[in-house]
Protein backbone atom coordinates (compact mmCIF):
# COMPACT_ATOMS: atom_id res chain seq x y z
CA UNK A 1 12.37 19.90 -8.63
CA UNK A 2 10.37 21.04 -5.55
CA UNK A 3 7.27 23.14 -5.53
CA UNK A 4 5.88 25.33 -2.96
CA UNK A 5 5.47 23.57 0.46
CA UNK A 6 7.31 20.53 -0.61
CA UNK A 7 10.29 18.95 1.17
CA UNK A 8 12.56 15.90 0.53
CA UNK A 9 12.57 13.12 3.17
CA UNK A 10 14.68 9.99 3.48
CA UNK A 11 13.06 6.56 3.48
CA UNK A 12 14.39 5.36 6.72
CA UNK A 13 16.82 2.70 6.07
CA UNK A 14 16.85 2.79 2.52
CA UNK A 15 18.97 4.97 0.39
CA UNK A 16 15.94 6.39 -1.30
CA UNK A 17 14.42 10.07 -1.04
CA UNK A 18 10.82 10.99 -1.54
CA UNK A 19 9.17 14.35 -2.32
CA UNK A 20 6.38 15.13 0.41
CA UNK A 21 4.01 17.81 1.28
CA UNK A 22 2.39 18.31 4.64
CA UNK A 23 -0.43 20.15 2.99
CA UNK A 24 -1.10 17.48 0.34
CA UNK A 25 0.19 14.19 1.36
CA UNK A 26 3.01 12.64 3.41
CA UNK A 27 3.50 8.72 3.72
CA UNK A 28 2.71 7.05 6.97
CA UNK A 29 3.67 3.99 8.86
CA UNK A 30 0.94 2.04 6.75
CA UNK A 31 3.25 2.44 3.63
CA UNK A 32 6.18 1.02 5.42
CA UNK A 33 4.40 -1.91 6.83
CA UNK A 34 2.77 -2.88 3.52
CA UNK A 35 5.95 -2.69 1.41
CA UNK A 36 7.65 -4.87 4.06
CA UNK A 37 4.70 -7.41 4.43
CA UNK A 38 4.50 -7.93 0.60
CA UNK A 39 6.60 -10.86 -0.58
CA UNK A 40 8.10 -10.13 -4.00
CA UNK A 41 9.37 -12.17 -6.87
CA UNK A 42 12.80 -11.21 -8.22
CA UNK A 43 11.14 -10.46 -11.45
CA UNK A 44 7.70 -9.70 -12.76
CA UNK A 45 5.22 -7.18 -12.67
CA UNK A 46 4.05 -5.35 -9.44
CA UNK A 47 1.19 -2.84 -9.30
CA UNK A 48 0.64 -0.45 -6.38
CA UNK A 49 -3.03 1.02 -6.34
CA UNK A 50 -3.96 4.07 -4.60
CA UNK A 51 -0.16 4.75 -4.74
CA UNK A 52 -0.34 8.40 -3.30
CA UNK A 53 3.14 10.00 -3.44
CA UNK A 54 4.63 6.80 -4.49
CA UNK A 55 6.09 5.55 -0.93
CA UNK A 56 5.22 1.92 -1.21
CA UNK A 57 6.52 1.57 -4.69
CA UNK A 58 9.81 3.17 -3.71
CA UNK A 59 9.95 1.10 -0.59
CA UNK A 60 9.67 -2.15 -2.65
CA UNK A 61 12.00 -1.16 -5.50
CA UNK A 62 15.36 -2.57 -3.60
CA UNK A 63 13.37 -5.93 -2.84
CA UNK A 64 12.98 -6.89 -6.52
CA UNK A 65 14.20 -6.62 -10.08
CA UNK A 66 10.56 -6.54 -11.24
CA UNK A 67 8.71 -3.71 -12.84
CA UNK A 68 6.67 -1.54 -10.45
CA UNK A 69 3.81 0.51 -11.54
CA UNK A 70 1.96 2.94 -9.32
CA UNK A 71 -1.51 4.09 -9.91
CA UNK A 72 -2.89 7.29 -8.37
CA UNK A 73 -5.97 9.26 -9.16
CA UNK A 74 -4.85 12.49 -7.85
CA UNK A 75 -2.69 14.55 -10.25
CA UNK A 76 -0.59 16.45 -7.81
CA UNK A 77 0.30 13.27 -5.84
CA UNK A 78 1.12 11.35 -9.10
CA UNK A 79 3.34 14.29 -10.09
CA UNK A 80 5.14 14.16 -6.66
CA UNK A 81 5.63 10.42 -7.05
CA UNK A 82 6.88 10.76 -10.89
CA UNK A 83 9.58 13.35 -9.61
CA UNK A 84 10.68 11.15 -6.57
CA UNK A 85 11.05 8.37 -9.24
CA UNK A 86 13.28 10.62 -11.22
CA UNK A 87 15.09 11.88 -8.08
CA UNK A 88 16.22 8.29 -7.24
CA UNK A 89 17.10 7.24 -10.87
CA UNK A 90 14.45 4.64 -10.83
CA UNK A 91 12.70 5.57 -14.16
CA UNK A 92 13.77 2.12 -15.75
CA UNK A 93 12.13 0.30 -12.75
CA UNK A 94 9.17 2.26 -11.46
CA UNK A 95 6.38 3.93 -13.65
CA UNK A 96 3.54 6.04 -12.27
CA UNK A 97 0.07 6.19 -13.79
CA UNK A 98 -2.17 9.13 -13.20
CA UNK A 99 -5.65 7.38 -13.57
CA UNK A 100 -8.78 6.25 -11.95
CA UNK A 101 -8.92 2.65 -10.75
CA UNK A 102 -11.63 1.78 -13.15
CA UNK A 103 -9.72 2.76 -16.12
CA UNK A 104 -6.52 0.81 -15.08
CA UNK A 105 -7.04 -1.88 -17.77
CA UNK A 106 -6.62 0.42 -20.46
CA UNK A 107 -2.72 0.76 -19.56
CA UNK A 108 -2.28 -2.65 -17.73
CA UNK A 109 -3.78 -5.90 -19.30
CA UNK A 110 -6.08 -8.06 -17.20
CA UNK A 111 -4.69 -11.27 -15.80
CA UNK A 112 -1.18 -10.00 -16.24
CA UNK A 113 0.20 -9.05 -13.02
CA UNK A 114 2.32 -10.96 -10.31
CA UNK A 115 1.70 -8.95 -7.25
CA UNK A 116 -0.68 -6.06 -6.45
CA UNK A 117 -0.41 -3.98 -3.39
CA UNK A 118 -2.75 -1.36 -2.10
CA UNK A 119 -3.01 1.12 0.91
CA UNK A 120 -6.71 2.10 0.24
CA UNK A 121 -8.83 4.91 1.91
CA UNK A 122 -9.90 3.25 5.05
CA UNK A 123 -13.13 5.09 5.95
CA UNK A 124 -16.72 4.68 4.42
CA UNK A 125 -18.45 7.98 3.57
CA UNK A 126 -21.52 8.04 5.90
CA UNK A 127 -24.07 11.07 6.19
CA UNK A 128 -22.40 11.92 9.49
CA UNK A 129 -18.80 11.31 8.27
CA UNK A 130 -16.24 13.80 9.45
CA UNK A 131 -14.13 14.29 6.46
CA UNK A 132 -10.96 16.14 6.20
CA UNK A 133 -11.60 19.85 4.79
CA UNK A 134 -8.29 19.24 2.81
CA UNK A 135 -9.69 17.61 -0.45
CA UNK A 136 -6.16 15.81 -0.99
CA UNK A 137 -6.29 14.26 2.35
CA UNK A 138 -10.07 13.42 2.30
CA UNK A 139 -9.64 11.45 -0.92
CA UNK A 140 -6.66 9.53 0.68
CA UNK A 141 -8.64 8.59 3.75
CA UNK A 142 -12.24 8.39 2.85
CA UNK A 143 -14.01 6.26 0.13
CA UNK A 144 -14.92 9.22 -1.89
CA UNK A 145 -13.40 8.46 -5.34
CA UNK A 146 -13.33 4.54 -4.89
CA UNK A 147 -14.23 1.89 -2.34
CA UNK A 148 -13.25 -1.37 -0.97
CA UNK A 149 -15.18 -3.41 -3.39
CA UNK A 150 -13.63 -1.59 -6.37
CA UNK A 151 -10.14 -1.70 -4.95
CA UNK A 152 -10.47 -5.69 -4.46
CA UNK A 153 -12.19 -6.31 -7.85
CA UNK A 154 -9.46 -4.26 -9.70
CA UNK A 155 -6.67 -6.13 -7.66
CA UNK A 156 -8.26 -9.50 -8.62
CA UNK A 157 -8.65 -8.31 -12.29
CA UNK A 158 -5.18 -7.40 -12.62
CA UNK A 159 -3.50 -10.42 -11.17
CA UNK A 160 -2.56 -13.58 -12.88
CA UNK A 161 -3.89 -17.01 -11.40
CA UNK A 162 -2.06 -17.53 -8.12
CA UNK A 163 -0.84 -14.02 -8.25
CA UNK A 164 -0.89 -12.32 -4.82
CA UNK A 165 -2.67 -9.21 -3.55
CA UNK A 166 -1.66 -7.38 -0.41
CA UNK A 167 -3.80 -4.89 1.49
CA UNK A 168 -3.23 -2.80 4.69
CA UNK A 169 -6.49 -1.78 6.17
CA UNK A 170 -8.44 -1.16 9.61
CA UNK A 171 -9.29 -4.16 11.88
CA UNK A 172 -12.97 -3.29 12.15
CA UNK A 173 -13.33 -3.98 8.35
CA UNK A 174 -11.41 -7.36 8.61
CA UNK A 175 -14.50 -9.61 7.94
CA UNK A 176 -15.94 -7.35 5.25
CA UNK A 177 -12.51 -7.46 3.59
CA UNK A 178 -12.40 -11.20 3.53
CA UNK A 179 -15.92 -11.32 2.01
CA UNK A 180 -15.00 -8.90 -0.81
CA UNK A 181 -11.72 -10.77 -1.39
CA UNK A 182 -13.47 -14.28 -1.78
CA UNK A 183 -16.31 -12.71 -3.86
CA UNK A 184 -13.61 -11.61 -6.22
CA UNK A 185 -11.78 -15.04 -6.29
CA UNK A 186 -9.15 -13.96 -3.88
CA UNK A 187 -8.42 -16.41 -1.17
CA UNK A 188 -7.06 -14.96 2.32
CA UNK A 189 -3.87 -16.77 3.16
CA UNK A 190 -1.79 -14.60 5.59
CA UNK A 191 -3.07 -12.12 8.11
CA UNK A 192 -1.07 -9.98 10.58
CA UNK A 193 -2.63 -7.54 12.89
CA UNK A 194 -0.77 -4.56 14.00
CA UNK A 195 -0.95 -2.85 17.38
CA UNK A 196 0.40 0.62 18.42
CA UNK A 197 1.39 -0.77 21.90
CA UNK A 198 1.20 -3.75 23.95
CA UNK A 199 -2.14 -3.93 25.61
CA UNK A 200 -3.82 -1.66 23.13
CA UNK A 201 -6.26 -2.81 20.35
CA UNK A 202 -4.90 -3.33 16.98
CA UNK A 203 -5.30 -0.31 14.49
CA UNK A 204 -4.19 -1.89 11.36
CA UNK A 205 -4.28 -5.17 9.66
CA UNK A 206 -2.07 -6.68 6.92
CA UNK A 207 -3.60 -9.27 4.62
CA UNK A 208 -2.21 -11.41 1.73
CA UNK A 209 -4.67 -13.16 -0.65
CA UNK A 210 -3.90 -15.42 -3.61
CA UNK A 211 -6.15 -15.34 -6.77
CA UNK A 212 -7.74 -18.47 -7.34
CA UNK A 213 -6.07 -19.95 -4.28
CA UNK A 214 -7.41 -23.03 -2.53
CA UNK A 215 -9.83 -22.55 0.07
CA UNK A 216 -8.59 -22.60 3.70
CA UNK A 217 -4.98 -22.55 4.86
CA UNK A 218 -5.33 -19.22 6.42
CA UNK A 219 -2.23 -18.36 8.68
CA UNK A 220 -2.70 -15.82 11.61
CA UNK A 221 0.86 -14.52 11.87
CA UNK A 222 2.27 -13.14 15.37
CA UNK A 223 1.19 -9.69 16.27
CA UNK A 224 3.26 -6.70 15.13
CA UNK A 225 3.73 -4.00 17.82
CA UNK A 226 4.99 -0.74 16.78
CA UNK A 227 6.02 1.02 20.19
CA UNK A 228 7.01 -0.30 23.56
CA UNK A 229 5.72 1.17 26.73
CA UNK A 230 8.40 4.07 26.69
CA UNK A 231 7.14 5.13 23.15
CA UNK A 232 10.30 3.78 21.41
CA UNK A 233 10.09 1.54 18.47
CA UNK A 234 10.11 -2.09 19.27
CA UNK A 235 13.12 -4.19 18.17
CA UNK A 236 11.27 -5.63 15.20
CA UNK A 237 10.11 -2.14 14.11
CA UNK A 238 13.60 -0.96 14.39
CA UNK A 239 14.85 -3.63 12.16
CA UNK A 240 12.08 -2.77 9.59
CA UNK A 241 12.75 0.96 9.80
CA UNK A 242 16.65 1.43 10.37
CA UNK A 243 18.52 -1.76 9.66
CA UNK A 244 19.52 -3.73 6.75
CA UNK A 245 16.85 -5.57 4.88
CA UNK A 246 16.97 -9.13 6.03
CA UNK A 247 14.55 -10.69 3.66
């Protein structure tokens, strides 16, 4: 089951295990927060774009009886995800596609999906960009193989009318994200900024958008703080990470 340099980790409070590799990819807090933020139907189709090693889909699986499809470009990561799906006996619920976002409609019909989630690469590729020398990590963090516009347009194309898209991204790109969402017929409806500690600047933002949703009605949710001043998880984060799901 495991390849060289891989390990099996527990997904925090969930009875789910995941295959990880420090030299290729390990999920981060982003995946935990995105899966928690997404409001899932009991049934239907859920697609996770830029799925990495499948953490978001695995996190979401106990919250729904719907079908979850992960889409990941990197063959090594998609393979890790597929083996984690098998490890957890989730092959009837979770599927992994190893493909480029631009080809996704060859496998998933347009306008057919209820929920799309995405934890995309955060950083634009500029002439002076400092990219990770590890190609696996560089692709996950920088807009080398895809970009924000492609992610948002792919999300919109997959969703049914009134379907919901969920993104986690960097706050400095918030206005750009809203512009791209609206250009793709996606209306932002719920936003939550994430802070590493009280008194620090936000370092992540969670966004829910509705395809063909009515203009306006944006809700700015209370801030989410990860750590207290003693660098321990805040009570809300402890609930998300370690205690029973209270959705």
